[in-house]
Amino acid sequence: VVIAKRLEADNAFTAPTVSINAIQTQFANYEEIKTDKTGLFVIDNSHKSFKQNDVLYKIDKVNINSMTDLKNYIYSKSVGDEVEIFVYRNNKKTNFKYVLK
C-alpha cells in the first residue's frame, strides 16, 4: 500500500534498505544458531553498526519479528531517513542511529 501510494504521488519509488543479511530467529534455530530472542538474526552485515549475531528486534518504536515487518516499516520511510535500530548484542540491549540507504 505504501509503495502504491508513492507511485501514484511521485510516479516513482526508490526502496530504502538496511544493509544486513538476516533470518528470523525462529528459523535460526534450525541452522544450529541458538537464541531465545525474537527478531531478525544478523548473519552478515554490510554496515559497521551491525555486528554478526546481533538480533534486530525494533526500529524506532516498531517491533520487528520478521523480514515482512522490516520491509513494511522501512518502505514507509525514504532513502536518507534516520531511524533508531535496537538490537540484542551479546545478550545485552543496545541501540544506534542508522541512515537508510
N, C-alpha and C. Protein backbone atom coordinates (compact mmCIF):
# COMPACT_ATOMS: atom_id res chain seq x y z
N VAL A 1 0.83 -1.19 0.00
CA VAL A 1 0.00 0.00 0.00
C VAL A 1 0.88 1.26 0.00
N VAL A 2 1.92 1.25 0.81
CA VAL A 2 2.82 2.41 0.87
C VAL A 2 3.46 2.65 -0.49
N ILE A 3 3.93 1.59 -1.12
CA ILE A 3 4.59 1.72 -2.42
C ILE A 3 3.60 2.23 -3.46
N ALA A 4 2.39 1.69 -3.46
CA ALA A 4 1.38 2.14 -4.43
C ALA A 4 1.06 3.61 -4.26
N LYS A 5 0.95 4.08 -3.03
CA LYS A 5 0.66 5.49 -2.78
C LYS A 5 1.80 6.38 -3.27
N ARG A 6 3.03 5.94 -3.06
CA ARG A 6 4.17 6.74 -3.54
C ARG A 6 4.24 6.76 -5.05
N LEU A 7 3.93 5.63 -5.67
CA LEU A 7 3.93 5.59 -7.13
C LEU A 7 2.86 6.53 -7.69
N GLU A 8 1.70 6.56 -7.06
CA GLU A 8 0.65 7.47 -7.50
C GLU A 8 1.07 8.93 -7.34
N ALA A 9 1.69 9.24 -6.21
CA ALA A 9 2.06 10.62 -5.91
C ALA A 9 3.27 11.09 -6.72
N ASP A 10 4.30 10.26 -6.79
CA ASP A 10 5.57 10.68 -7.39
C ASP A 10 5.89 10.00 -8.72
N ASN A 11 5.12 9.00 -9.08
CA ASN A 11 5.36 8.22 -10.29
C ASN A 11 6.70 7.48 -10.24
N ALA A 12 7.23 7.30 -9.01
CA ALA A 12 8.48 6.58 -8.83
C ALA A 12 8.58 6.14 -7.38
N PHE A 13 9.39 5.12 -7.14
CA PHE A 13 9.63 4.68 -5.77
C PHE A 13 11.02 4.08 -5.70
N THR A 14 11.85 4.61 -4.82
CA THR A 14 13.15 4.04 -4.54
C THR A 14 13.07 3.44 -3.15
N ALA A 15 13.22 2.14 -3.07
CA ALA A 15 13.07 1.45 -1.80
C ALA A 15 14.28 1.68 -0.91
N PRO A 16 14.05 2.18 0.30
CA PRO A 16 15.17 2.30 1.25
C PRO A 16 15.58 0.91 1.72
N THR A 17 16.82 0.77 2.16
CA THR A 17 17.32 -0.53 2.59
C THR A 17 18.06 -0.44 3.91
N VAL A 18 18.15 -1.59 4.56
CA VAL A 18 19.00 -1.79 5.73
C VAL A 18 20.01 -2.84 5.31
N SER A 19 21.29 -2.52 5.40
CA SER A 19 22.35 -3.37 4.83
C SER A 19 22.74 -4.53 5.75
N ILE A 20 21.85 -5.55 5.79
CA ILE A 20 22.16 -6.75 6.57
C ILE A 20 21.65 -7.98 5.82
N ASN A 21 22.24 -9.10 6.15
CA ASN A 21 21.74 -10.40 5.71
C ASN A 21 21.26 -11.07 6.99
N ALA A 22 19.96 -11.35 7.09
CA ALA A 22 19.41 -11.84 8.35
C ALA A 22 18.33 -12.88 8.10
N ILE A 23 18.07 -13.68 9.13
CA ILE A 23 16.96 -14.62 9.10
C ILE A 23 16.16 -14.45 10.39
N GLN A 24 14.90 -14.81 10.33
CA GLN A 24 14.06 -14.74 11.51
C GLN A 24 14.61 -15.69 12.57
N THR A 25 14.58 -15.24 13.82
CA THR A 25 15.16 -16.07 14.88
C THR A 25 14.51 -17.43 14.98
N GLN A 26 13.23 -17.53 14.67
CA GLN A 26 12.57 -18.84 14.73
C GLN A 26 13.18 -19.82 13.75
N PHE A 27 13.73 -19.33 12.64
CA PHE A 27 14.38 -20.19 11.66
C PHE A 27 15.86 -20.37 11.96
N ALA A 28 16.44 -19.44 12.69
CA ALA A 28 17.86 -19.52 13.03
C ALA A 28 18.15 -20.79 13.82
N ASN A 29 17.22 -21.18 14.67
CA ASN A 29 17.43 -22.39 15.48
C ASN A 29 17.57 -23.64 14.63
N TYR A 30 16.98 -23.66 13.43
CA TYR A 30 17.14 -24.78 12.52
C TYR A 30 18.52 -24.81 11.90
N GLU A 31 19.18 -23.68 11.90
CA GLU A 31 20.51 -23.57 11.31
C GLU A 31 21.60 -23.78 12.37
N GLU A 32 21.22 -24.34 13.51
CA GLU A 32 22.12 -24.58 14.64
C GLU A 32 22.66 -23.28 15.24
N ILE A 33 21.88 -22.22 15.09
CA ILE A 33 22.18 -20.94 15.73
C ILE A 33 21.17 -20.84 16.87
N LYS A 34 21.62 -20.80 18.07
CA LYS A 34 20.70 -20.83 19.20
C LYS A 34 20.51 -19.42 19.77
N THR A 35 19.27 -19.02 19.86
CA THR A 35 18.93 -17.76 20.50
C THR A 35 17.52 -17.87 21.07
N ASP A 36 17.30 -17.23 22.18
CA ASP A 36 15.96 -17.20 22.76
C ASP A 36 15.28 -15.86 22.49
N LYS A 37 15.90 -15.02 21.69
CA LYS A 37 15.37 -13.70 21.36
C LYS A 37 14.46 -13.79 20.14
N THR A 38 13.55 -12.83 20.02
CA THR A 38 12.65 -12.75 18.87
C THR A 38 13.06 -11.55 18.03
N GLY A 39 13.16 -11.76 16.73
CA GLY A 39 13.53 -10.69 15.82
C GLY A 39 14.24 -11.26 14.61
N LEU A 40 15.20 -10.52 14.11
CA LEU A 40 16.00 -10.95 12.95
C LEU A 40 17.43 -11.18 13.39
N PHE A 41 17.93 -12.38 13.13
CA PHE A 41 19.29 -12.76 13.49
C PHE A 41 20.22 -12.34 12.37
N VAL A 42 21.18 -11.46 12.67
CA VAL A 42 22.09 -10.92 11.65
C VAL A 42 23.18 -11.96 11.38
N ILE A 43 23.19 -12.43 10.14
CA ILE A 43 24.17 -13.43 9.71
C ILE A 43 25.42 -12.74 9.17
N ASP A 44 25.21 -11.68 8.45
CA ASP A 44 26.30 -10.95 7.80
C ASP A 44 25.86 -9.50 7.72
N ASN A 45 26.79 -8.61 7.67
CA ASN A 45 26.42 -7.20 7.61
C ASN A 45 27.29 -6.46 6.61
N SER A 46 26.70 -5.42 6.05
CA SER A 46 27.43 -4.55 5.14
C SER A 46 27.62 -3.18 5.75
N HIS A 47 27.17 -3.02 6.98
CA HIS A 47 27.26 -1.73 7.65
C HIS A 47 27.94 -1.93 9.00
N LYS A 48 28.88 -1.08 9.31
CA LYS A 48 29.69 -1.26 10.53
C LYS A 48 28.88 -1.20 11.82
N SER A 49 27.69 -0.61 11.81
CA SER A 49 26.88 -0.52 13.03
C SER A 49 26.34 -1.88 13.46
N PHE A 50 26.06 -2.74 12.51
CA PHE A 50 25.57 -4.09 12.81
C PHE A 50 26.75 -5.02 13.02
N LYS A 51 26.57 -5.97 13.91
CA LYS A 51 27.58 -7.00 14.14
C LYS A 51 26.95 -8.36 13.87
N GLN A 52 27.76 -9.28 13.37
CA GLN A 52 27.26 -10.63 13.17
C GLN A 52 26.75 -11.16 14.50
N ASN A 53 25.62 -11.85 14.48
CA ASN A 53 24.94 -12.42 15.64
C ASN A 53 24.09 -11.43 16.42
N ASP A 54 24.01 -10.17 15.98
CA ASP A 54 23.03 -9.25 16.56
C ASP A 54 21.64 -9.80 16.29
N VAL A 55 20.70 -9.49 17.18
CA VAL A 55 19.29 -9.79 16.92
C VAL A 55 18.56 -8.45 16.88
N LEU A 56 18.14 -8.06 15.68
CA LEU A 56 17.40 -6.82 15.48
C LEU A 56 15.96 -7.07 15.94
N TYR A 57 15.50 -6.29 16.92
CA TYR A 57 14.15 -6.53 17.42
C TYR A 57 13.23 -5.31 17.33
N LYS A 58 13.79 -4.13 17.03
CA LYS A 58 12.92 -2.96 16.94
C LYS A 58 13.61 -1.88 16.11
N ILE A 59 12.79 -1.15 15.34
CA ILE A 59 13.26 0.05 14.64
C ILE A 59 12.32 1.17 15.05
N ASP A 60 12.90 2.25 15.53
CA ASP A 60 12.14 3.34 16.13
C ASP A 60 11.24 2.73 17.21
N LYS A 61 9.95 2.84 17.09
CA LYS A 61 9.06 2.27 18.12
C LYS A 61 8.30 1.05 17.60
N VAL A 62 8.78 0.47 16.50
CA VAL A 62 8.09 -0.64 15.85
C VAL A 62 8.85 -1.95 16.09
N ASN A 63 8.17 -2.93 16.69
CA ASN A 63 8.77 -4.25 16.89
C ASN A 63 8.97 -4.94 15.55
N ILE A 64 10.11 -5.61 15.43
CA ILE A 64 10.45 -6.33 14.20
C ILE A 64 10.57 -7.81 14.55
N ASN A 65 9.65 -8.61 14.02
CA ASN A 65 9.65 -10.05 14.26
C ASN A 65 9.92 -10.85 13.00
N SER A 66 9.90 -10.19 11.84
CA SER A 66 10.07 -10.90 10.57
C SER A 66 10.62 -9.95 9.52
N MET A 67 11.05 -10.53 8.41
CA MET A 67 11.52 -9.70 7.29
C MET A 67 10.37 -8.85 6.75
N THR A 68 9.16 -9.38 6.80
CA THR A 68 7.99 -8.61 6.36
C THR A 68 7.81 -7.37 7.23
N ASP A 69 7.95 -7.52 8.55
CA ASP A 69 7.87 -6.36 9.45
C ASP A 69 8.92 -5.32 9.08
N LEU A 70 10.14 -5.79 8.84
CA LEU A 70 11.24 -4.88 8.49
C LEU A 70 10.93 -4.14 7.20
N LYS A 71 10.55 -4.87 6.16
CA LYS A 71 10.26 -4.25 4.87
C LYS A 71 9.09 -3.29 4.96
N ASN A 72 8.00 -3.70 5.63
CA ASN A 72 6.84 -2.82 5.74
C ASN A 72 7.21 -1.50 6.41
N TYR A 73 8.03 -1.56 7.44
CA TYR A 73 8.38 -0.32 8.13
C TYR A 73 9.33 0.54 7.30
N ILE A 74 10.40 -0.05 6.80
CA ILE A 74 11.36 0.81 6.08
C ILE A 74 10.79 1.33 4.76
N TYR A 75 9.85 0.62 4.16
CA TYR A 75 9.23 1.12 2.94
C TYR A 75 8.32 2.31 3.22
N SER A 76 7.97 2.52 4.48
CA SER A 76 7.19 3.71 4.84
C SER A 76 8.09 4.92 5.01
N LYS A 77 9.40 4.70 4.93
CA LYS A 77 10.41 5.75 5.07
C LYS A 77 11.00 6.07 3.70
N SER A 78 11.93 7.00 3.69
CA SER A 78 12.60 7.39 2.45
C SER A 78 14.10 7.17 2.58
N VAL A 79 14.76 6.99 1.45
CA VAL A 79 16.21 6.92 1.43
C VAL A 79 16.74 8.19 2.08
N GLY A 80 17.68 8.03 3.00
CA GLY A 80 18.27 9.17 3.70
C GLY A 80 17.64 9.45 5.05
N ASP A 81 16.48 8.83 5.33
CA ASP A 81 15.87 9.00 6.65
C ASP A 81 16.73 8.30 7.70
N GLU A 82 16.78 8.91 8.89
CA GLU A 82 17.50 8.30 10.00
C GLU A 82 16.49 7.58 10.90
N VAL A 83 16.83 6.34 11.26
CA VAL A 83 15.98 5.56 12.16
C VAL A 83 16.84 5.12 13.34
N GLU A 84 16.19 4.72 14.41
CA GLU A 84 16.91 4.17 15.55
C GLU A 84 16.72 2.66 15.55
N ILE A 85 17.83 1.94 15.55
CA ILE A 85 17.84 0.49 15.49
C ILE A 85 18.12 -0.05 16.90
N PHE A 86 17.32 -1.04 17.29
CA PHE A 86 17.50 -1.69 18.59
C PHE A 86 17.87 -3.14 18.36
N VAL A 87 18.96 -3.58 18.98
CA VAL A 87 19.43 -4.96 18.82
C VAL A 87 19.82 -5.54 20.18
N TYR A 88 19.80 -6.88 20.22
CA TYR A 88 20.46 -7.59 21.29
C TYR A 88 21.84 -7.92 20.77
N ARG A 89 22.86 -7.56 21.53
CA ARG A 89 24.25 -7.87 21.16
C ARG A 89 24.90 -8.49 22.39
N ASN A 90 25.35 -9.71 22.24
CA ASN A 90 25.91 -10.44 23.39
C ASN A 90 24.93 -10.47 24.56
N ASN A 91 23.66 -10.69 24.24
CA ASN A 91 22.56 -10.77 25.22
C ASN A 91 22.29 -9.47 25.97
N LYS A 92 22.79 -8.36 25.46
CA LYS A 92 22.52 -7.06 26.06
C LYS A 92 21.84 -6.17 25.03
N LYS A 93 20.88 -5.37 25.49
CA LYS A 93 20.20 -4.44 24.58
C LYS A 93 21.11 -3.26 24.29
N THR A 94 21.13 -2.89 23.01
CA THR A 94 21.85 -1.69 22.60
C THR A 94 21.10 -1.07 21.44
N ASN A 95 21.38 0.17 21.14
CA ASN A 95 20.71 0.83 20.02
C ASN A 95 21.67 1.81 19.37
N PHE A 96 21.34 2.17 18.13
CA PHE A 96 22.16 3.11 17.38
C PHE A 96 21.33 3.74 16.27
N LYS A 97 21.78 4.87 15.80
CA LYS A 97 21.13 5.56 14.68
C LYS A 97 21.64 4.95 13.38
N TYR A 98 20.75 4.91 12.39
CA TYR A 98 21.10 4.32 11.10
C TYR A 98 20.41 5.12 10.01
N VAL A 99 21.15 5.49 8.98
CA VAL A 99 20.58 6.22 7.85
C VAL A 99 20.25 5.22 6.76
N LEU A 100 18.97 5.21 6.36
CA LEU A 100 18.52 4.26 5.33
C LEU A 100 19.19 4.57 4.01
N LYS A 101 19.64 3.54 3.34
CA LYS A 101 20.35 3.67 2.05
C LYS A 101 19.36 3.62 0.91
